[in-house]
N, C-alpha and C. Protein backbone atom coordinates (compact mmCIF):
# COMPACT_ATOMS: atom_id res chain seq x y z
N MET A 1 -74.63 -36.51 -5.81
CA MET A 1 -73.59 -37.21 -6.55
C MET A 1 -72.22 -36.72 -6.08
N SER A 2 -71.34 -37.64 -5.88
CA SER A 2 -70.00 -37.28 -5.44
C SER A 2 -69.06 -37.23 -6.65
N LEU A 3 -68.40 -36.11 -6.81
CA LEU A 3 -67.47 -35.95 -7.91
C LEU A 3 -66.08 -36.39 -7.49
N GLU A 4 -65.28 -36.77 -8.47
CA GLU A 4 -63.91 -37.19 -8.19
C GLU A 4 -62.95 -36.02 -8.32
N TYR A 5 -61.94 -36.03 -7.45
CA TYR A 5 -60.84 -35.07 -7.51
C TYR A 5 -59.57 -35.86 -7.26
N PRO A 6 -58.94 -36.37 -8.33
CA PRO A 6 -57.74 -37.21 -8.13
C PRO A 6 -56.68 -36.52 -7.29
N GLU A 7 -56.10 -37.30 -6.38
CA GLU A 7 -55.11 -36.79 -5.43
C GLU A 7 -53.80 -36.36 -6.09
N ASP A 8 -53.50 -36.91 -7.29
CA ASP A 8 -52.22 -36.59 -7.94
C ASP A 8 -52.26 -35.30 -8.72
N LEU A 9 -53.38 -34.58 -8.66
CA LEU A 9 -53.52 -33.33 -9.40
C LEU A 9 -53.44 -32.14 -8.46
N LYS A 10 -53.11 -30.99 -9.04
CA LYS A 10 -53.21 -29.71 -8.35
C LYS A 10 -54.34 -28.94 -9.03
N TYR A 11 -55.06 -28.14 -8.27
CA TYR A 11 -56.26 -27.46 -8.77
C TYR A 11 -56.15 -25.95 -8.56
N LEU A 12 -56.83 -25.21 -9.43
CA LEU A 12 -56.95 -23.77 -9.26
C LEU A 12 -58.37 -23.44 -8.87
N ASP A 13 -58.55 -22.31 -8.19
CA ASP A 13 -59.91 -21.93 -7.81
C ASP A 13 -60.75 -21.54 -9.02
N SER A 14 -60.11 -21.40 -10.19
CA SER A 14 -60.84 -21.15 -11.44
C SER A 14 -61.22 -22.46 -12.13
N HIS A 15 -60.95 -23.60 -11.48
CA HIS A 15 -61.42 -24.94 -11.85
C HIS A 15 -60.59 -25.66 -12.91
N GLU A 16 -59.39 -25.17 -13.19
CA GLU A 16 -58.47 -25.94 -14.01
C GLU A 16 -57.69 -26.88 -13.10
N TYR A 17 -57.20 -27.97 -13.68
CA TYR A 17 -56.30 -28.84 -12.94
C TYR A 17 -54.99 -28.99 -13.70
N VAL A 18 -53.96 -29.42 -12.97
CA VAL A 18 -52.64 -29.67 -13.55
C VAL A 18 -52.15 -31.03 -13.06
N ARG A 19 -51.65 -31.81 -13.98
CA ARG A 19 -50.96 -33.06 -13.62
C ARG A 19 -49.53 -32.92 -14.14
N ILE A 20 -48.56 -33.04 -13.24
CA ILE A 20 -47.16 -33.00 -13.66
C ILE A 20 -46.77 -34.42 -14.08
N GLU A 21 -46.31 -34.54 -15.31
CA GLU A 21 -45.97 -35.86 -15.85
C GLU A 21 -44.68 -36.38 -15.22
N ASP A 22 -44.39 -37.64 -15.48
CA ASP A 22 -43.24 -38.30 -14.86
C ASP A 22 -41.92 -37.59 -15.15
N ASP A 23 -41.79 -36.99 -16.33
CA ASP A 23 -40.52 -36.32 -16.63
C ASP A 23 -40.43 -34.94 -15.98
N GLU A 24 -41.49 -34.53 -15.29
CA GLU A 24 -41.55 -33.36 -14.42
C GLU A 24 -41.43 -32.00 -15.09
N ASP A 25 -41.24 -31.95 -16.41
CA ASP A 25 -41.29 -30.62 -17.01
C ASP A 25 -42.45 -30.50 -17.99
N ILE A 26 -43.32 -31.52 -18.02
CA ILE A 26 -44.53 -31.46 -18.82
C ILE A 26 -45.74 -31.46 -17.88
N ALA A 27 -46.63 -30.52 -18.10
CA ALA A 27 -47.86 -30.43 -17.31
C ALA A 27 -49.05 -30.65 -18.23
N THR A 28 -49.96 -31.51 -17.79
CA THR A 28 -51.22 -31.70 -18.49
C THR A 28 -52.26 -30.84 -17.80
N ILE A 29 -53.00 -30.06 -18.59
CA ILE A 29 -53.99 -29.12 -18.07
C ILE A 29 -55.37 -29.56 -18.54
N GLY A 30 -56.33 -29.49 -17.62
CA GLY A 30 -57.71 -29.81 -17.97
C GLY A 30 -58.67 -29.05 -17.07
N LEU A 31 -59.95 -29.38 -17.20
CA LEU A 31 -60.99 -28.77 -16.38
C LEU A 31 -61.52 -29.79 -15.40
N SER A 32 -61.81 -29.36 -14.19
CA SER A 32 -62.28 -30.28 -13.16
C SER A 32 -63.68 -30.81 -13.47
N ALA A 33 -63.99 -31.95 -12.88
CA ALA A 33 -65.32 -32.53 -13.02
C ALA A 33 -66.38 -31.56 -12.49
N PHE A 34 -66.06 -30.83 -11.42
CA PHE A 34 -66.99 -29.85 -10.87
C PHE A 34 -67.31 -28.78 -11.92
N ALA A 35 -66.29 -28.24 -12.57
CA ALA A 35 -66.50 -27.20 -13.58
C ALA A 35 -67.38 -27.72 -14.70
N LEU A 36 -67.10 -28.94 -15.14
CA LEU A 36 -67.87 -29.50 -16.25
C LEU A 36 -69.32 -29.78 -15.86
N GLU A 37 -69.54 -30.21 -14.63
CA GLU A 37 -70.91 -30.42 -14.18
C GLU A 37 -71.67 -29.09 -14.12
N GLU A 38 -71.00 -28.05 -13.65
CA GLU A 38 -71.62 -26.72 -13.59
C GLU A 38 -71.95 -26.19 -14.98
N LEU A 39 -71.06 -26.44 -15.94
CA LEU A 39 -71.26 -25.93 -17.30
C LEU A 39 -72.38 -26.64 -18.03
N GLY A 40 -72.55 -27.92 -17.79
CA GLY A 40 -73.52 -28.69 -18.57
C GLY A 40 -72.87 -29.18 -19.86
N ASP A 41 -73.67 -29.43 -20.87
CA ASP A 41 -73.17 -30.02 -22.12
C ASP A 41 -72.26 -29.04 -22.85
N VAL A 42 -71.00 -29.45 -23.05
CA VAL A 42 -70.03 -28.62 -23.76
C VAL A 42 -70.25 -28.76 -25.26
N VAL A 43 -70.31 -27.60 -25.95
CA VAL A 43 -70.58 -27.62 -27.39
C VAL A 43 -69.42 -27.06 -28.22
N PHE A 44 -68.46 -26.38 -27.58
CA PHE A 44 -67.34 -25.79 -28.33
C PHE A 44 -66.17 -25.57 -27.39
N LEU A 45 -64.96 -25.82 -27.90
CA LEU A 45 -63.73 -25.55 -27.17
C LEU A 45 -62.78 -24.78 -28.06
N GLU A 46 -62.16 -23.76 -27.49
CA GLU A 46 -61.08 -23.04 -28.17
C GLU A 46 -59.84 -23.21 -27.30
N LEU A 47 -58.77 -23.74 -27.93
CA LEU A 47 -57.53 -24.02 -27.20
C LEU A 47 -56.36 -23.33 -27.87
N PRO A 48 -55.26 -23.11 -27.13
CA PRO A 48 -54.09 -22.48 -27.74
C PRO A 48 -53.46 -23.41 -28.79
N GLU A 49 -52.67 -22.81 -29.66
CA GLU A 49 -52.00 -23.55 -30.73
C GLU A 49 -50.69 -24.15 -30.22
N LEU A 50 -50.23 -25.20 -30.89
CA LEU A 50 -48.92 -25.77 -30.57
C LEU A 50 -47.85 -24.70 -30.71
N GLY A 51 -46.94 -24.65 -29.77
CA GLY A 51 -45.87 -23.66 -29.80
C GLY A 51 -46.20 -22.35 -29.13
N ASP A 52 -47.47 -22.14 -28.77
CA ASP A 52 -47.84 -20.91 -28.09
C ASP A 52 -47.18 -20.85 -26.71
N ALA A 53 -46.67 -19.69 -26.37
CA ALA A 53 -46.15 -19.46 -25.01
C ALA A 53 -47.32 -18.98 -24.17
N ILE A 54 -47.48 -19.58 -22.99
CA ILE A 54 -48.54 -19.16 -22.08
C ILE A 54 -47.91 -18.80 -20.74
N ALA A 55 -48.58 -17.91 -20.02
CA ALA A 55 -48.08 -17.49 -18.71
C ALA A 55 -49.15 -17.73 -17.67
N LEU A 56 -48.72 -18.04 -16.47
CA LEU A 56 -49.60 -18.28 -15.34
C LEU A 56 -50.67 -17.19 -15.28
N GLY A 57 -51.94 -17.60 -15.26
CA GLY A 57 -53.05 -16.66 -15.17
C GLY A 57 -53.59 -16.17 -16.49
N ASP A 58 -52.88 -16.44 -17.60
CA ASP A 58 -53.36 -16.02 -18.92
C ASP A 58 -54.65 -16.73 -19.29
N ASN A 59 -55.49 -16.05 -20.05
CA ASN A 59 -56.63 -16.71 -20.68
C ASN A 59 -56.06 -17.50 -21.86
N ILE A 60 -56.22 -18.82 -21.83
CA ILE A 60 -55.63 -19.65 -22.90
C ILE A 60 -56.69 -20.30 -23.79
N GLY A 61 -57.94 -19.97 -23.57
CA GLY A 61 -58.99 -20.54 -24.40
C GLY A 61 -60.35 -20.33 -23.78
N THR A 62 -61.36 -20.92 -24.44
CA THR A 62 -62.72 -20.83 -23.93
C THR A 62 -63.40 -22.19 -24.04
N VAL A 63 -64.34 -22.39 -23.15
CA VAL A 63 -65.21 -23.56 -23.21
C VAL A 63 -66.63 -23.02 -23.24
N GLU A 64 -67.39 -23.48 -24.24
CA GLU A 64 -68.76 -23.02 -24.41
C GLU A 64 -69.69 -24.19 -24.19
N SER A 65 -70.70 -23.96 -23.36
CA SER A 65 -71.69 -25.00 -23.10
C SER A 65 -73.06 -24.45 -23.46
N VAL A 66 -74.06 -25.29 -23.26
CA VAL A 66 -75.42 -24.84 -23.51
C VAL A 66 -75.83 -23.76 -22.51
N LYS A 67 -75.12 -23.66 -21.37
CA LYS A 67 -75.45 -22.69 -20.33
C LYS A 67 -74.63 -21.41 -20.38
N ALA A 68 -73.34 -21.52 -20.75
CA ALA A 68 -72.45 -20.37 -20.57
C ALA A 68 -71.19 -20.52 -21.42
N VAL A 69 -70.46 -19.42 -21.54
CA VAL A 69 -69.12 -19.43 -22.11
C VAL A 69 -68.17 -19.07 -20.98
N SER A 70 -67.14 -19.88 -20.78
CA SER A 70 -66.18 -19.63 -19.71
C SER A 70 -64.77 -19.59 -20.27
N GLU A 71 -63.95 -18.75 -19.66
CA GLU A 71 -62.55 -18.68 -20.06
C GLU A 71 -61.77 -19.79 -19.36
N ILE A 72 -60.72 -20.24 -20.03
CA ILE A 72 -59.80 -21.22 -19.46
C ILE A 72 -58.52 -20.47 -19.14
N TYR A 73 -58.05 -20.63 -17.89
CA TYR A 73 -56.86 -19.90 -17.45
C TYR A 73 -55.68 -20.85 -17.30
N ALA A 74 -54.50 -20.32 -17.61
CA ALA A 74 -53.28 -21.12 -17.50
C ALA A 74 -52.87 -21.27 -16.04
N PRO A 75 -52.78 -22.52 -15.56
CA PRO A 75 -52.34 -22.73 -14.18
C PRO A 75 -50.82 -22.74 -14.05
N VAL A 76 -50.13 -22.69 -15.19
CA VAL A 76 -48.66 -22.72 -15.23
C VAL A 76 -48.19 -21.89 -16.41
N SER A 77 -46.88 -21.61 -16.44
CA SER A 77 -46.26 -20.93 -17.58
C SER A 77 -45.42 -21.93 -18.36
N GLY A 78 -45.41 -21.75 -19.67
CA GLY A 78 -44.60 -22.64 -20.50
C GLY A 78 -45.01 -22.55 -21.96
N THR A 79 -44.66 -23.60 -22.70
CA THR A 79 -44.94 -23.66 -24.13
C THR A 79 -45.85 -24.84 -24.41
N VAL A 80 -46.90 -24.61 -25.18
CA VAL A 80 -47.84 -25.67 -25.53
C VAL A 80 -47.14 -26.67 -26.45
N VAL A 81 -47.07 -27.93 -26.01
CA VAL A 81 -46.42 -28.97 -26.81
C VAL A 81 -47.42 -29.97 -27.38
N ASP A 82 -48.66 -29.94 -26.90
CA ASP A 82 -49.69 -30.84 -27.42
C ASP A 82 -51.03 -30.26 -27.04
N ARG A 83 -52.03 -30.52 -27.87
CA ARG A 83 -53.40 -30.15 -27.51
C ARG A 83 -54.32 -31.27 -27.95
N ASN A 84 -55.41 -31.40 -27.28
CA ASN A 84 -56.32 -32.52 -27.50
C ASN A 84 -57.22 -32.22 -28.69
N GLU A 85 -56.75 -32.60 -29.88
CA GLU A 85 -57.49 -32.33 -31.11
C GLU A 85 -58.84 -33.05 -31.13
N MET A 86 -58.92 -34.21 -30.48
CA MET A 86 -60.19 -34.94 -30.43
C MET A 86 -61.28 -34.09 -29.79
N LEU A 87 -60.91 -33.31 -28.76
CA LEU A 87 -61.91 -32.46 -28.11
C LEU A 87 -62.32 -31.27 -28.96
N ILE A 88 -61.43 -30.83 -29.85
CA ILE A 88 -61.81 -29.74 -30.77
C ILE A 88 -62.95 -30.25 -31.67
N GLU A 89 -62.81 -31.50 -32.13
CA GLU A 89 -63.81 -32.11 -33.01
C GLU A 89 -65.05 -32.57 -32.25
N GLN A 90 -64.86 -33.07 -31.02
CA GLN A 90 -65.96 -33.62 -30.21
C GLN A 90 -65.91 -33.03 -28.80
N PRO A 91 -66.22 -31.75 -28.65
CA PRO A 91 -66.09 -31.10 -27.34
C PRO A 91 -66.94 -31.75 -26.25
N GLU A 92 -68.05 -32.35 -26.63
CA GLU A 92 -68.92 -32.97 -25.62
C GLU A 92 -68.24 -34.14 -24.91
N ALA A 93 -67.19 -34.71 -25.52
CA ALA A 93 -66.50 -35.86 -24.93
C ALA A 93 -65.68 -35.48 -23.69
N ILE A 94 -65.45 -34.20 -23.45
CA ILE A 94 -64.64 -33.78 -22.31
C ILE A 94 -65.23 -34.28 -20.99
N ALA A 95 -66.54 -34.32 -20.88
CA ALA A 95 -67.19 -34.71 -19.62
C ALA A 95 -67.11 -36.21 -19.36
N ASP A 96 -66.84 -37.01 -20.38
CA ASP A 96 -66.79 -38.47 -20.21
C ASP A 96 -65.62 -38.89 -19.34
N ASP A 97 -64.50 -38.20 -19.44
CA ASP A 97 -63.29 -38.60 -18.72
C ASP A 97 -62.40 -37.37 -18.54
N PRO A 98 -62.83 -36.39 -17.69
CA PRO A 98 -62.11 -35.11 -17.61
C PRO A 98 -60.65 -35.24 -17.17
N TYR A 99 -60.33 -36.29 -16.39
CA TYR A 99 -58.97 -36.42 -15.87
C TYR A 99 -58.13 -37.39 -16.70
N GLY A 100 -58.71 -37.97 -17.73
CA GLY A 100 -58.00 -38.90 -18.60
C GLY A 100 -58.01 -38.38 -20.02
N GLU A 101 -58.90 -38.94 -20.84
CA GLU A 101 -59.00 -38.56 -22.25
C GLU A 101 -59.49 -37.12 -22.44
N GLY A 102 -60.03 -36.51 -21.39
CA GLY A 102 -60.59 -35.16 -21.51
C GLY A 102 -59.62 -34.03 -21.21
N TRP A 103 -58.30 -34.32 -21.21
CA TRP A 103 -57.31 -33.26 -20.99
C TRP A 103 -57.39 -32.24 -22.13
N LEU A 104 -56.91 -31.02 -21.88
CA LEU A 104 -56.97 -29.95 -22.88
C LEU A 104 -55.64 -29.74 -23.60
N VAL A 105 -54.61 -29.39 -22.85
CA VAL A 105 -53.30 -29.12 -23.45
C VAL A 105 -52.20 -29.68 -22.56
N LYS A 106 -51.04 -29.89 -23.19
CA LYS A 106 -49.83 -30.26 -22.46
C LYS A 106 -48.82 -29.15 -22.68
N VAL A 107 -48.13 -28.77 -21.61
CA VAL A 107 -47.25 -27.61 -21.61
C VAL A 107 -45.88 -28.02 -21.07
N ARG A 108 -44.83 -27.61 -21.79
CA ARG A 108 -43.47 -27.75 -21.24
C ARG A 108 -43.26 -26.58 -20.31
N LEU A 109 -43.05 -26.88 -19.03
CA LEU A 109 -43.00 -25.85 -18.00
C LEU A 109 -41.73 -24.99 -18.08
N ASP A 110 -41.91 -23.70 -17.83
CA ASP A 110 -40.77 -22.79 -17.71
C ASP A 110 -40.05 -23.01 -16.39
N ASP A 111 -40.82 -23.18 -15.32
CA ASP A 111 -40.24 -23.34 -13.99
C ASP A 111 -41.07 -24.34 -13.21
N PRO A 112 -40.75 -25.64 -13.32
CA PRO A 112 -41.60 -26.66 -12.72
C PRO A 112 -41.73 -26.58 -11.21
N ASN A 113 -40.82 -25.97 -10.51
CA ASN A 113 -40.84 -26.01 -9.06
C ASN A 113 -41.65 -24.91 -8.40
N GLU A 114 -41.75 -23.77 -9.02
CA GLU A 114 -42.32 -22.61 -8.33
C GLU A 114 -43.81 -22.41 -8.52
N GLU A 115 -44.32 -22.62 -9.70
CA GLU A 115 -45.65 -22.12 -10.01
C GLU A 115 -46.78 -22.83 -9.30
N LEU A 116 -46.60 -24.05 -8.90
CA LEU A 116 -47.70 -24.80 -8.30
C LEU A 116 -47.77 -24.64 -6.78
N GLU A 117 -46.92 -23.77 -6.24
CA GLU A 117 -46.92 -23.56 -4.79
C GLU A 117 -48.27 -23.07 -4.28
N ASP A 118 -48.97 -22.27 -5.07
CA ASP A 118 -50.25 -21.71 -4.63
C ASP A 118 -51.45 -22.54 -5.07
N ALA A 119 -51.21 -23.61 -5.83
CA ALA A 119 -52.31 -24.46 -6.30
C ALA A 119 -52.89 -25.24 -5.12
N LEU A 120 -54.11 -25.69 -5.30
CA LEU A 120 -54.82 -26.40 -4.25
C LEU A 120 -54.64 -27.91 -4.37
N SER A 121 -54.59 -28.58 -3.24
CA SER A 121 -54.61 -30.04 -3.24
C SER A 121 -56.03 -30.50 -3.54
N ALA A 122 -56.21 -31.78 -3.79
CA ALA A 122 -57.54 -32.33 -4.03
C ALA A 122 -58.46 -32.05 -2.84
N GLU A 123 -57.95 -32.22 -1.65
CA GLU A 123 -58.75 -31.98 -0.44
C GLU A 123 -59.15 -30.51 -0.32
N GLU A 124 -58.21 -29.61 -0.59
CA GLU A 124 -58.51 -28.17 -0.51
C GLU A 124 -59.52 -27.76 -1.57
N TYR A 125 -59.37 -28.33 -2.77
CA TYR A 125 -60.29 -27.99 -3.86
C TYR A 125 -61.69 -28.52 -3.54
N ARG A 126 -61.78 -29.75 -3.04
CA ARG A 126 -63.07 -30.32 -2.68
C ARG A 126 -63.77 -29.42 -1.63
N ALA A 127 -63.02 -28.95 -0.64
CA ALA A 127 -63.59 -28.08 0.39
C ALA A 127 -64.08 -26.77 -0.22
N LEU A 128 -63.40 -26.30 -1.27
CA LEU A 128 -63.81 -25.06 -1.94
C LEU A 128 -65.12 -25.24 -2.69
N VAL A 129 -65.23 -26.33 -3.46
CA VAL A 129 -66.38 -26.49 -4.35
C VAL A 129 -67.53 -27.26 -3.73
N GLU A 130 -67.26 -28.03 -2.68
CA GLU A 130 -68.31 -28.79 -2.00
C GLU A 130 -68.26 -28.52 -0.50
N PRO A 131 -68.47 -27.27 -0.09
CA PRO A 131 -68.26 -26.92 1.32
C PRO A 131 -69.15 -27.71 2.28
N GLU A 132 -70.30 -28.19 1.79
CA GLU A 132 -71.19 -28.94 2.68
C GLU A 132 -70.81 -30.41 2.81
N ALA A 133 -69.86 -30.86 1.97
CA ALA A 133 -69.49 -32.30 1.98
C ALA A 133 -68.65 -32.63 3.20
């Protein structure tokens, strides 16, 4: 099965993705389709609260599946301005649309230009997670 990795996203090797919104100081953070396939059925999500300050590399929550519990890491620094409450209530829905309705949090960026320099493109991320493809 071929997984999708949208070209407009940046990826971390810890399997989070970032989409910079049109106004360029809001970042949407989620988990890649690869991460969700590896985890299996998600049964619980813990996300940061609105107004929480997060820093690049911080543990900002957990995702629990039938197979494992994994930490979620911040791919950017900023302030949480929105979180996906629907996923708190229905964590299993994250796998249905990880790059759309399955987003985790939205963050107002502290420094929109610098932090994503080390993030991976879709092509680089695909090569990391599907080396045989």
